[in-house]
Protein backbone atom coordinates (compact mmCIF):
# COMPACT_ATOMS: atom_id res chain seq x y z
CA UNK A 1 4.45 -118.04 -195.61
CA UNK A 2 2.52 -115.14 -194.44
CA UNK A 3 -0.45 -115.89 -192.14
CA UNK A 4 -2.58 -113.38 -194.09
CA UNK A 5 -2.24 -115.62 -197.06
CA UNK A 6 -5.26 -117.98 -195.38
CA UNK A 7 -6.86 -115.59 -192.81
CA UNK A 8 -8.47 -112.47 -192.83
CA UNK A 9 -7.18 -110.41 -190.19
CA UNK A 10 -9.95 -108.37 -188.06
CA UNK A 11 -8.85 -105.10 -185.97
CA UNK A 12 -11.75 -103.50 -183.41
CA UNK A 13 -11.93 -100.09 -182.55
CA UNK A 14 -14.23 -98.26 -180.20
CA UNK A 15 -15.30 -94.83 -181.32
CA UNK A 16 -17.22 -92.13 -179.48
CA UNK A 17 -20.61 -91.18 -180.98
CA UNK A 18 -20.98 -87.60 -180.56
CA UNK A 19 -24.87 -87.40 -179.58
CA UNK A 20 -24.32 -89.92 -176.71
CA UNK A 21 -20.93 -89.59 -175.97
CA UNK A 22 -20.26 -93.45 -175.79
CA UNK A 23 -17.98 -95.80 -177.63
CA UNK A 24 -19.26 -97.85 -180.27
CA UNK A 25 -17.29 -101.17 -181.42
CA UNK A 26 -16.79 -100.81 -184.91
CA UNK A 27 -14.85 -103.75 -186.46
CA UNK A 28 -12.63 -103.54 -189.63
CA UNK A 29 -12.09 -107.07 -191.59
CA UNK A 30 -8.88 -106.29 -193.63
CA UNK A 31 -8.23 -108.28 -197.34
CA UNK A 32 -5.83 -111.34 -197.81
CA UNK A 33 -2.42 -110.03 -198.06
CA UNK A 34 -3.14 -106.75 -196.49
CA UNK A 35 -0.23 -106.57 -194.51
CA UNK A 36 2.14 -107.54 -197.20
CA UNK A 37 0.48 -105.42 -200.57
CA UNK A 38 1.56 -102.44 -198.98
CA UNK A 39 1.55 -100.35 -202.15
CA UNK A 40 -2.23 -101.46 -202.71
CA UNK A 41 -5.31 -99.67 -201.59
CA UNK A 42 -8.60 -100.91 -201.32
CA UNK A 43 -12.38 -100.35 -201.59
CA UNK A 44 -14.18 -100.37 -198.35
CA UNK A 45 -18.14 -101.79 -197.69
CA UNK A 46 -19.59 -100.39 -194.54
CA UNK A 47 -21.98 -102.56 -192.78
CA UNK A 48 -25.02 -101.62 -190.24
CA UNK A 49 -26.00 -103.96 -187.45
CA UNK A 50 -22.36 -104.88 -187.38
CA UNK A 51 -23.07 -107.79 -184.71
CA UNK A 52 -24.97 -109.26 -187.49
CA UNK A 53 -22.06 -109.36 -190.15
CA UNK A 54 -19.60 -111.54 -188.74
CA UNK A 55 -20.44 -114.22 -186.28
CA UNK A 56 -24.05 -116.09 -186.12
CA UNK A 57 -23.17 -116.12 -181.92
CA UNK A 58 -23.53 -112.32 -181.78
CA UNK A 59 -26.53 -112.28 -184.46
CA UNK A 60 -29.49 -111.03 -182.57
CA UNK A 61 -31.34 -113.78 -184.82
CA UNK A 62 -28.96 -116.43 -184.47
CA UNK A 63 -27.92 -116.05 -188.35
CA UNK A 64 -24.74 -113.67 -189.57
CA UNK A 65 -24.40 -112.64 -192.84
CA UNK A 66 -21.29 -115.05 -193.15
CA UNK A 67 -19.07 -112.35 -194.40
CA UNK A 68 -15.66 -114.35 -194.00
CA UNK A 69 -17.11 -117.39 -195.50
CA UNK A 70 -18.70 -115.73 -198.58
CA UNK A 71 -15.38 -114.19 -199.00
CA UNK A 72 -13.12 -117.28 -198.82
CA UNK A 73 -15.46 -119.19 -201.06
CA UNK A 74 -16.15 -116.72 -203.70
CA UNK A 75 -12.12 -115.94 -204.80
CA UNK A 76 -13.63 -113.78 -207.45
CA UNK A 77 -14.89 -111.02 -205.54
CA UNK A 78 -12.32 -108.04 -205.66
CA UNK A 79 -10.08 -107.52 -202.07
CA UNK A 80 -11.75 -104.86 -200.05
CA UNK A 81 -12.12 -103.64 -196.60
CA UNK A 82 -15.19 -104.61 -194.55
CA UNK A 83 -16.44 -102.46 -191.71
CA UNK A 84 -19.14 -103.61 -189.31
CA UNK A 85 -20.49 -100.90 -187.25
CA UNK A 86 -22.32 -102.12 -183.96
CA UNK A 87 -25.94 -101.25 -183.69
CA UNK A 88 -26.61 -99.62 -180.24
CA UNK A 89 -29.14 -102.47 -178.91
CA UNK A 90 -32.45 -100.83 -178.18
CA UNK A 91 -31.77 -98.00 -179.80
CA UNK A 92 -31.01 -99.28 -183.13
CA UNK A 93 -34.85 -98.87 -183.92
CA UNK A 94 -34.07 -94.82 -183.16
CA UNK A 95 -31.08 -94.62 -185.11
CA UNK A 96 -31.80 -96.12 -188.37
CA UNK A 97 -34.79 -94.10 -188.82
CA UNK A 98 -34.36 -90.51 -190.13
CA UNK A 99 -38.09 -89.91 -189.61
CA UNK A 100 -40.61 -91.13 -186.61
CA UNK A 101 -42.75 -94.59 -187.06
CA UNK A 102 -46.00 -93.85 -189.06
CA UNK A 103 -47.27 -96.15 -186.11
CA UNK A 104 -46.74 -98.70 -183.75
CA UNK A 105 -48.85 -101.20 -181.27
CA UNK A 106 -46.92 -100.10 -178.44
CA UNK A 107 -49.08 -97.73 -176.35
CA UNK A 108 -47.30 -94.36 -175.34
CA UNK A 109 -44.32 -95.18 -177.43
CA UNK A 110 -42.64 -93.83 -180.29
CA UNK A 111 -39.68 -94.80 -182.20
CA UNK A 112 -37.28 -93.62 -185.02
CA UNK A 113 -35.90 -90.03 -185.79
CA UNK A 114 -32.23 -90.41 -184.99
CA UNK A 115 -31.20 -91.30 -188.49
CA UNK A 116 -29.57 -88.51 -189.42
CA UNK A 117 -27.06 -88.21 -186.35
CA UNK A 118 -26.05 -91.34 -186.70
CA UNK A 119 -25.64 -90.90 -190.28
CA UNK A 120 -23.52 -88.27 -189.15
CA UNK A 121 -21.52 -90.26 -186.98
CA UNK A 122 -20.80 -93.07 -189.69
CA UNK A 123 -19.66 -90.50 -192.53
CA UNK A 124 -18.10 -87.72 -190.33
CA UNK A 125 -16.73 -90.16 -187.67
CA UNK A 126 -16.30 -93.78 -188.58
CA UNK A 127 -15.22 -92.81 -192.19
CA UNK A 128 -12.74 -90.57 -191.72
CA UNK A 129 -11.03 -92.71 -188.84
CA UNK A 130 -11.27 -95.86 -191.32
CA UNK A 131 -9.44 -93.69 -194.31
CA UNK A 132 -6.68 -92.16 -191.89
CA UNK A 133 -5.80 -95.47 -190.28
CA UNK A 134 -6.53 -97.83 -193.06
CA UNK A 135 -5.13 -97.81 -197.06
CA UNK A 136 -8.88 -97.11 -198.75
CA UNK A 137 -9.54 -96.01 -201.50
CA UNK A 138 -11.42 -93.20 -199.99
CA UNK A 139 -13.53 -91.84 -202.78
CA UNK A 140 -17.58 -92.38 -203.87
CA UNK A 141 -16.41 -94.88 -206.75
CA UNK A 142 -14.85 -97.03 -203.87
CA UNK A 143 -17.16 -96.60 -201.09
CA UNK A 144 -19.96 -98.85 -200.51
CA UNK A 145 -22.74 -99.82 -197.70
CA UNK A 146 -24.89 -102.82 -197.02
CA UNK A 147 -28.03 -103.73 -194.32
CA UNK A 148 -30.91 -105.48 -193.82
CA UNK A 149 -34.41 -104.58 -192.26
CA UNK A 150 -33.67 -101.37 -190.17
CA UNK A 151 -30.09 -101.25 -191.48
CA UNK A 152 -31.65 -101.63 -195.54
CA UNK A 153 -33.64 -98.66 -194.33
CA UNK A 154 -30.64 -96.71 -193.20
CA UNK A 155 -28.90 -97.76 -196.09
CA UNK A 156 -31.44 -96.09 -198.37
CA UNK A 157 -31.56 -92.81 -196.57
CA UNK A 158 -27.95 -92.51 -196.38
CA UNK A 159 -27.50 -93.70 -199.71
CA UNK A 160 -29.44 -90.66 -201.04
CA UNK A 161 -28.33 -88.15 -198.16
CA UNK A 162 -24.66 -89.24 -198.98
CA UNK A 163 -24.48 -90.26 -202.21
CA UNK A 164 -21.89 -87.87 -203.41
CA UNK A 165 -19.64 -89.94 -201.18
CA UNK A 166 -21.78 -93.78 -201.58
CA UNK A 167 -21.01 -95.60 -204.84
CA UNK A 168 -22.92 -98.40 -204.42
CA UNK A 169 -26.10 -99.86 -202.11
CA UNK A 170 -27.11 -103.49 -200.77
CA UNK A 171 -30.32 -102.58 -199.71
CA UNK A 172 -31.89 -106.05 -197.86
CA UNK A 173 -35.42 -106.55 -196.76
CA UNK A 174 -35.44 -102.61 -196.20
CA UNK A 175 -37.95 -101.82 -193.35
CA UNK A 176 -38.80 -98.86 -195.22
CA UNK A 177 -42.54 -99.05 -194.88
CA UNK A 178 -42.12 -97.38 -191.36
CA UNK A 179 -42.18 -94.30 -192.52
CA UNK A 180 -43.03 -94.76 -196.21
CA UNK A 181 -44.54 -91.53 -196.38
CA UNK A 182 -41.71 -89.44 -195.06
CA UNK A 183 -39.35 -91.16 -197.48
CA UNK A 184 -41.40 -90.53 -200.45
CA UNK A 185 -41.38 -86.84 -200.04
CA UNK A 186 -37.89 -86.90 -199.68
CA UNK A 187 -36.84 -89.18 -202.16
CA UNK A 188 -38.40 -86.78 -204.21
CA UNK A 189 -37.25 -83.53 -203.73
CA UNK A 190 -33.40 -85.45 -204.21
CA UNK A 191 -31.69 -85.46 -207.51
CA UNK A 192 -30.23 -88.57 -207.65
CA UNK A 193 -26.78 -89.88 -209.89
CA UNK A 194 -27.32 -91.75 -212.38
CA UNK A 195 -24.74 -94.06 -212.04
CA UNK A 196 -25.00 -95.02 -208.59
CA UNK A 197 -24.65 -98.85 -208.12
CA UNK A 198 -28.21 -100.44 -206.09
CA UNK A 199 -29.13 -103.90 -205.28
CA UNK A 200 -32.47 -104.47 -203.70
CA UNK A 201 -33.37 -107.77 -202.24
CA UNK A 202 -36.87 -108.39 -200.70
CA UNK A 203 -38.51 -111.73 -199.52
CA UNK A 204 -41.89 -112.51 -200.08
CA UNK A 205 -42.24 -114.27 -196.42
CA UNK A 206 -40.46 -111.02 -194.82
CA UNK A 207 -41.69 -110.17 -191.42
CA UNK A 208 -40.83 -111.37 -187.66
CA UNK A 209 -42.14 -110.36 -184.07
CA UNK A 210 -40.28 -107.12 -183.43
CA UNK A 211 -42.30 -106.32 -187.05
CA UNK A 212 -45.73 -107.02 -185.34
CA UNK A 213 -45.19 -104.69 -182.94
CA UNK A 214 -44.73 -102.03 -185.33
CA UNK A 215 -47.43 -102.79 -187.44
CA UNK A 216 -51.04 -103.79 -188.09
CA UNK A 217 -52.13 -105.47 -191.15
CA UNK A 218 -50.24 -107.89 -193.74
CA UNK A 219 -46.40 -106.81 -192.99
CA UNK A 220 -45.04 -109.47 -195.56
CA UNK A 221 -46.95 -106.98 -198.71
CA UNK A 222 -45.90 -103.99 -196.62
CA UNK A 223 -42.24 -105.11 -197.21
CA UNK A 224 -42.67 -106.41 -201.00
CA UNK A 225 -44.60 -102.83 -201.63
CA UNK A 226 -41.84 -100.42 -199.96
CA UNK A 227 -38.86 -102.27 -202.22
CA UNK A 228 -41.17 -102.04 -205.48
CA UNK A 229 -41.67 -98.36 -204.72
CA UNK A 230 -37.91 -97.75 -204.23
CA UNK A 231 -37.03 -99.28 -207.27
CA UNK A 232 -39.50 -97.31 -209.27
CA UNK A 233 -38.78 -94.07 -207.70
CA UNK A 234 -35.02 -94.45 -208.51
CA UNK A 235 -35.29 -95.15 -212.06
CA UNK A 236 -38.22 -92.45 -212.26
CA UNK A 237 -35.97 -90.06 -211.26
CA UNK A 238 -33.04 -90.33 -213.15
CA UNK A 239 -31.25 -93.49 -213.24
CA UNK A 240 -29.61 -94.79 -216.11
CA UNK A 241 -29.09 -98.62 -216.74
CA UNK A 242 -27.64 -97.91 -220.39
CA UNK A 243 -24.85 -95.92 -218.70
CA UNK A 244 -24.26 -98.59 -216.03
CA UNK A 245 -25.07 -101.82 -217.06
CA UNK A 246 -26.28 -104.21 -214.33
CA UNK A 247 -25.88 -101.60 -212.06
CA UNK A 248 -29.29 -101.90 -210.75
CA UNK A 249 -31.03 -104.89 -209.54
CA UNK A 250 -34.30 -105.97 -207.74
CA UNK A 251 -34.45 -109.59 -206.40
CA UNK A 252 -37.40 -110.99 -205.12
CA UNK A 253 -36.90 -114.38 -203.37
CA UNK A 254 -39.82 -116.36 -201.74
CA UNK A 255 -38.31 -116.86 -198.48
CA UNK A 256 -37.43 -115.38 -195.11
CA UNK A 257 -34.91 -112.50 -194.75
CA UNK A 258 -32.56 -114.10 -192.01
CA UNK A 259 -30.99 -117.81 -192.18
CA UNK A 260 -31.64 -118.65 -195.56
CA UNK A 261 -28.90 -120.20 -197.78
CA UNK A 262 -30.60 -118.00 -200.69
CA UNK A 263 -30.30 -115.09 -198.43
CA UNK A 264 -26.72 -115.12 -198.14
CA UNK A 265 -26.03 -116.45 -201.55
CA UNK A 266 -27.73 -113.17 -202.58
CA UNK A 267 -25.20 -110.98 -200.57
CA UNK A 268 -22.27 -112.89 -202.08
CA UNK A 269 -24.02 -112.28 -205.43
CA UNK A 270 -23.92 -108.57 -204.07
CA UNK A 271 -20.67 -108.76 -203.58
CA UNK A 272 -19.58 -109.85 -206.89
CA UNK A 273 -21.59 -107.26 -209.20
CA UNK A 274 -21.57 -104.28 -206.65
CA UNK A 275 -17.66 -104.50 -205.61
CA UNK A 276 -16.39 -105.63 -208.34
CA UNK A 277 -18.37 -103.30 -210.26
CA UNK A 278 -16.30 -100.33 -208.38
CA UNK A 279 -12.69 -99.61 -209.65
CA UNK A 280 -10.05 -100.96 -208.03
CA UNK A 281 -5.92 -100.53 -208.56
CA UNK A 282 -5.45 -103.87 -209.19
């Protein structure tokens, strides 16, 4: 029997980042029976912080998204192609923000501002490569994006900037408070697609040591306030739950953002409502 019936095949690519000239690892997790179901095409989920997606030994906090177990333990999740785009280490703080951070407790250091260039890499290099190399459903209705913390931050931005190409968002523990005013002005100028599927997750015990170097004050509350602001802005700007029932979800959990079973369960839930909500050619 074909081994893909039991195991999910993974491919690794090295793609050149235009603004650095360096290669970036991009891993692709293929769905069950990809090799045998040759007439079938699949939705695609793009993950930021690729090191955190598959294996805990690679994750910077020691806990991964556990994507492979989540898929295997939830057979009701539609088959999809998972794309894990590695972050660039220290440059992650710059790439995952379209604007400079409004404050920093590190004298002489300013972070952020490379998010537009990173977005172009994702949407003009990575996505076209994936669509050419694999049997994808390349249109907006079959394209999703997900990230947590700073990865959630850039997911919010790219979800707006490329909403004509991204139909589903998973925004987990977004650190959008780092440049809240700039994002507020940006979303105010945008006309939102009413049918984009958005899932927001934030814990009441967010914050880590890195966060404390970037902001003084109540960081836990900043996470909550920023997610609530995003929630209200999207609704106010025209998202219509009547058009797409269960297309928007705000989840508030009493937990930290990483390493908790509720976090991983919420991710599996997002896969179900988000990916299953995308049209497939089953």
